[in-house]
N, C-alpha and C. Protein backbone atom coordinates (compact mmCIF):
# COMPACT_ATOMS: atom_id res chain seq x y z
N MET A 1 -18.66 -22.00 31.59
CA MET A 1 -19.74 -20.63 31.28
C MET A 1 -20.02 -20.78 30.93
N GLU A 2 -21.48 -19.68 31.38
CA GLU A 2 -22.76 -19.51 31.33
C GLU A 2 -21.97 -18.58 29.52
N PRO A 3 -23.53 -19.43 28.81
CA PRO A 3 -23.71 -19.03 27.05
C PRO A 3 -23.85 -17.33 26.83
N GLY A 4 -24.61 -16.52 27.41
CA GLY A 4 -24.53 -15.28 27.30
C GLY A 4 -23.73 -14.41 27.37
N VAL A 5 -23.02 -14.97 28.65
CA VAL A 5 -21.38 -13.92 29.33
C VAL A 5 -20.02 -14.86 28.31
N SER A 6 -19.98 -15.94 27.71
CA SER A 6 -19.48 -16.17 26.68
C SER A 6 -19.43 -15.67 25.48
N GLU A 7 -20.98 -15.02 24.97
CA GLU A 7 -21.34 -14.90 24.07
C GLU A 7 -21.04 -13.17 24.15
N TYR A 8 -21.37 -12.71 25.54
CA TYR A 8 -20.41 -11.28 25.31
C TYR A 8 -19.18 -10.73 25.80
N LEU A 9 -18.51 -11.71 26.51
CA LEU A 9 -16.75 -11.39 26.21
C LEU A 9 -16.25 -11.14 25.02
N LYS A 10 -16.55 -12.74 23.65
CA LYS A 10 -16.70 -12.41 22.31
C LYS A 10 -16.54 -11.08 21.50
N ARG A 11 -17.92 -10.79 22.46
CA ARG A 11 -18.17 -9.78 21.22
C ARG A 11 -16.74 -8.20 21.40
N ILE A 12 -17.09 -8.51 23.33
CA ILE A 12 -15.99 -7.60 23.19
C ILE A 12 -14.40 -7.59 23.24
N LEU A 13 -14.44 -8.96 22.76
CA LEU A 13 -12.90 -9.38 22.29
C LEU A 13 -12.70 -9.01 21.19
N ASN A 14 -14.14 -9.63 19.58
CA ASN A 14 -14.18 -8.35 18.51
C ASN A 14 -14.26 -7.57 18.26
N THR A 15 -14.57 -7.04 18.95
CA THR A 15 -14.40 -5.22 19.22
C THR A 15 -13.05 -4.26 19.11
N ILE A 16 -12.41 -5.02 20.08
CA ILE A 16 -11.15 -4.85 20.58
C ILE A 16 -10.45 -5.33 19.43
N SER A 17 -10.25 -6.04 19.04
CA SER A 17 -9.61 -6.89 18.32
C SER A 17 -9.90 -5.69 16.75
N PHE A 18 -10.89 -6.69 16.81
CA PHE A 18 -11.15 -5.43 14.92
C PHE A 18 -10.70 -4.12 15.00
N THR A 19 -11.37 -3.50 16.31
CA THR A 19 -10.47 -1.53 16.13
C THR A 19 -9.11 -1.38 16.36
N VAL A 20 -8.20 -1.75 17.18
CA VAL A 20 -6.95 -2.00 17.06
C VAL A 20 -6.47 -3.08 15.74
N LEU A 21 -6.54 -3.67 15.24
CA LEU A 21 -7.05 -4.47 13.53
C LEU A 21 -7.00 -2.79 12.84
N TRP A 22 -7.59 -2.33 13.01
CA TRP A 22 -8.28 -1.03 11.91
C TRP A 22 -6.99 -0.10 12.04
N MET A 23 -6.58 0.43 13.44
CA MET A 23 -5.72 1.10 13.76
C MET A 23 -4.21 1.07 13.22
N ALA A 24 -4.04 -0.02 13.17
CA ALA A 24 -2.58 -0.47 12.62
C ALA A 24 -2.17 -0.67 11.67
N ILE A 25 -3.39 -0.76 10.88
CA ILE A 25 -3.58 -0.84 9.12
C ILE A 25 -3.73 0.54 9.05
N ASN A 26 -3.76 1.69 9.77
CA ASN A 26 -4.43 2.46 9.12
C ASN A 26 -3.18 3.16 9.43
N SER A 27 -2.26 3.39 10.88
CA SER A 27 -1.96 4.32 11.29
C SER A 27 -0.54 3.28 10.33
N THR A 28 -0.61 2.67 9.93
CA THR A 28 0.89 2.18 9.75
C THR A 28 1.04 2.33 7.90
N ALA A 29 -0.33 2.26 7.60
CA ALA A 29 -0.03 3.29 5.94
C ALA A 29 0.35 4.77 5.93
N GLY A 30 -0.66 5.24 6.68
CA GLY A 30 -0.15 6.23 6.78
C GLY A 30 0.89 7.71 7.40
N ILE A 31 1.61 6.52 8.56
CA ILE A 31 2.70 7.24 9.48
C ILE A 31 4.12 6.70 8.29
N MET A 32 4.32 5.06 8.77
CA MET A 32 5.33 4.41 8.34
C MET A 32 5.10 4.84 6.36
N TYR A 33 4.22 5.14 5.92
CA TYR A 33 4.47 4.81 4.29
C TYR A 33 4.10 6.77 3.96
N GLN A 34 4.29 6.95 4.87
CA GLN A 34 3.21 8.40 5.36
C GLN A 34 2.97 8.98 3.59
N PHE A 35 1.65 7.71 3.93
CA PHE A 35 0.82 9.36 3.15
C PHE A 35 -0.24 9.45 3.31
N ALA A 36 -0.41 9.45 4.73
CA ALA A 36 -1.47 11.04 5.74
C ALA A 36 -0.37 12.47 5.57
N TYR A 37 0.41 12.00 5.00
CA TYR A 37 1.10 13.63 4.97
C TYR A 37 1.22 13.91 3.96
N LEU A 38 1.07 15.70 3.27
CA LEU A 38 1.54 15.98 2.78
C LEU A 38 3.04 16.73 2.00
N GLN A 39 3.19 16.23 1.30
CA GLN A 39 4.90 17.15 0.36
C GLN A 39 5.02 18.13 0.31
N GLU A 40 5.91 19.25 1.13
CA GLU A 40 6.10 20.41 0.87
C GLU A 40 6.90 20.42 -0.72
N GLY A 41 5.91 21.46 -1.06
CA GLY A 41 5.60 21.84 -2.21
C GLY A 41 5.86 21.00 -3.21
N ALA A 42 5.19 19.82 -2.64
CA ALA A 42 3.87 18.83 -4.14
C ALA A 42 2.38 19.23 -3.68
N GLY A 43 2.12 19.74 -2.91
CA GLY A 43 0.66 19.83 -2.57
C GLY A 43 -0.02 18.01 -2.34
N ILE A 44 -1.16 18.69 -2.81
CA ILE A 44 -1.76 16.93 -2.06
C ILE A 44 -2.04 16.17 -3.90
N GLN A 45 -1.39 14.90 -3.68
CA GLN A 45 -0.85 13.79 -4.04
C GLN A 45 -2.58 12.90 -4.73
N VAL A 46 -1.76 11.84 -5.29
CA VAL A 46 -3.56 10.89 -5.27
C VAL A 46 -3.26 9.69 -4.21
N GLU A 47 -1.53 9.43 -4.08
CA GLU A 47 -1.45 8.93 -3.16
C GLU A 47 -2.39 9.06 -1.64
N ASN A 48 -2.21 9.84 -1.25
CA ASN A 48 -2.63 10.80 0.13
C ASN A 48 -4.21 11.00 -0.90
N ILE A 49 -5.32 11.40 -1.88
CA ILE A 49 -6.15 11.00 -1.67
C ILE A 49 -6.80 9.71 -1.47
N ILE A 50 -6.17 8.85 -2.39
CA ILE A 50 -6.54 7.39 -2.15
C ILE A 50 -6.13 7.15 -0.26
N PHE A 51 -5.99 7.55 0.23
CA PHE A 51 -5.24 6.96 1.52
C PHE A 51 -6.54 7.50 2.68
N TYR A 52 -7.26 8.40 2.10
CA TYR A 52 -8.00 9.12 3.00
C TYR A 52 -9.20 8.27 2.64
N LEU A 53 -9.62 8.51 1.69
CA LEU A 53 -10.69 7.31 1.02
C LEU A 53 -10.84 6.72 1.87
N TRP A 54 -9.92 5.85 1.85
CA TRP A 54 -9.49 4.05 2.71
C TRP A 54 -9.97 4.65 3.43
N LEU A 55 -9.77 5.74 4.60
CA LEU A 55 -10.08 5.84 5.87
C LEU A 55 -11.30 5.71 6.29
N ILE A 56 -11.93 6.94 5.66
CA ILE A 56 -13.31 7.22 5.57
C ILE A 56 -13.85 5.83 5.37
N LEU A 57 -13.59 5.19 4.30
CA LEU A 57 -14.92 4.50 3.92
C LEU A 57 -14.47 2.53 4.70
N SER A 58 -13.27 2.33 5.38
CA SER A 58 -12.89 1.40 6.26
C SER A 58 -13.60 2.28 7.17
N PHE A 59 -13.11 2.70 8.11
CA PHE A 59 -14.02 4.04 9.46
C PHE A 59 -15.32 2.90 9.08
N ILE A 60 -15.89 3.73 7.98
CA ILE A 60 -17.66 3.32 8.52
C ILE A 60 -17.67 2.37 8.13
N ALA A 61 -17.48 1.04 7.36
CA ALA A 61 -17.25 -0.18 7.15
C ALA A 61 -17.41 -0.72 8.70
N LEU A 62 -15.71 -0.32 9.47
CA LEU A 62 -15.78 -0.50 10.44
C LEU A 62 -16.74 -0.74 11.75
N LEU A 63 -17.61 0.97 11.45
CA LEU A 63 -18.76 1.03 12.59
C LEU A 63 -20.15 0.30 12.26
N TYR A 64 -20.17 0.48 10.94
CA TYR A 64 -21.21 -0.88 10.25
C TYR A 64 -20.84 -2.34 11.09
N TYR A 65 -20.18 -2.84 10.76
CA TYR A 65 -19.78 -3.81 11.87
C TYR A 65 -20.29 -4.46 13.28
N LEU A 66 -19.45 -3.46 13.63
CA LEU A 66 -19.56 -3.22 15.39
C LEU A 66 -20.77 -3.17 15.38
N ILE A 67 -21.87 -1.74 15.06
CA ILE A 67 -23.17 -1.95 15.42
C ILE A 67 -23.94 -3.50 14.84
N ARG A 68 -24.14 -3.29 13.87
CA ARG A 68 -24.63 -4.89 13.40
C ARG A 68 -24.59 -5.85 14.45
N LEU A 69 -22.56 -5.92 15.40
CA LEU A 69 -22.01 -6.92 16.19
C LEU A 69 -23.66 -6.51 17.10
N TRP A 70 -23.11 -5.73 18.27
CA TRP A 70 -23.72 -5.49 19.13
C TRP A 70 -25.51 -4.72 18.78
N LYS A 71 -26.69 -4.95 17.78
CA LYS A 71 -27.68 -5.34 17.92
C LYS A 71 -28.43 -6.22 18.05
N LYS A 72 -27.12 -7.49 17.89
CA LYS A 72 -28.07 -8.37 18.38
C LYS A 72 -28.11 -9.00 19.49
N PRO A 73 -28.95 -9.52 20.08
CA PRO A 73 -29.71 -10.03 21.25
C PRO A 73 -29.16 -10.87 21.89
N LEU A 74 -28.41 -10.90 23.66
CA LEU A 74 -27.90 -11.95 23.97
C LEU A 74 -28.70 -12.80 24.27
N HIS A 75 -28.89 -14.35 24.47
CA HIS A 75 -28.78 -15.42 24.41
C HIS A 75 -28.81 -15.55 25.49
N PHE A 76 -29.01 -15.39 26.86
CA PHE A 76 -28.54 -15.47 28.41
C PHE A 76 -30.34 -16.83 28.86
N GLU A 77 -30.06 -17.75 29.02
CA GLU A 77 -30.76 -19.08 29.10
C GLU A 77 -30.40 -19.25 30.69
N GLU A 78 -31.79 -19.20 31.32
CA GLU A 78 -31.72 -19.07 32.77
C GLU A 78 -32.13 -20.90 33.23
């Protein structure tokens, strides 16, 4: 396989796998462990604040990684 095509497919695979991993971690913590839900009568708790801070910061880190990954030029050799 051409080196440029192989590098391009690796980028696509990394993008998909890191995004799915990010979604799995956050949906597990938010839905299964119920950190995304506010408890009735209790209002906002520390766990909710920590979860939403983690969600925002990890999303920013994911975007930073993906932008850096896709800004690198591909090396197609003729």
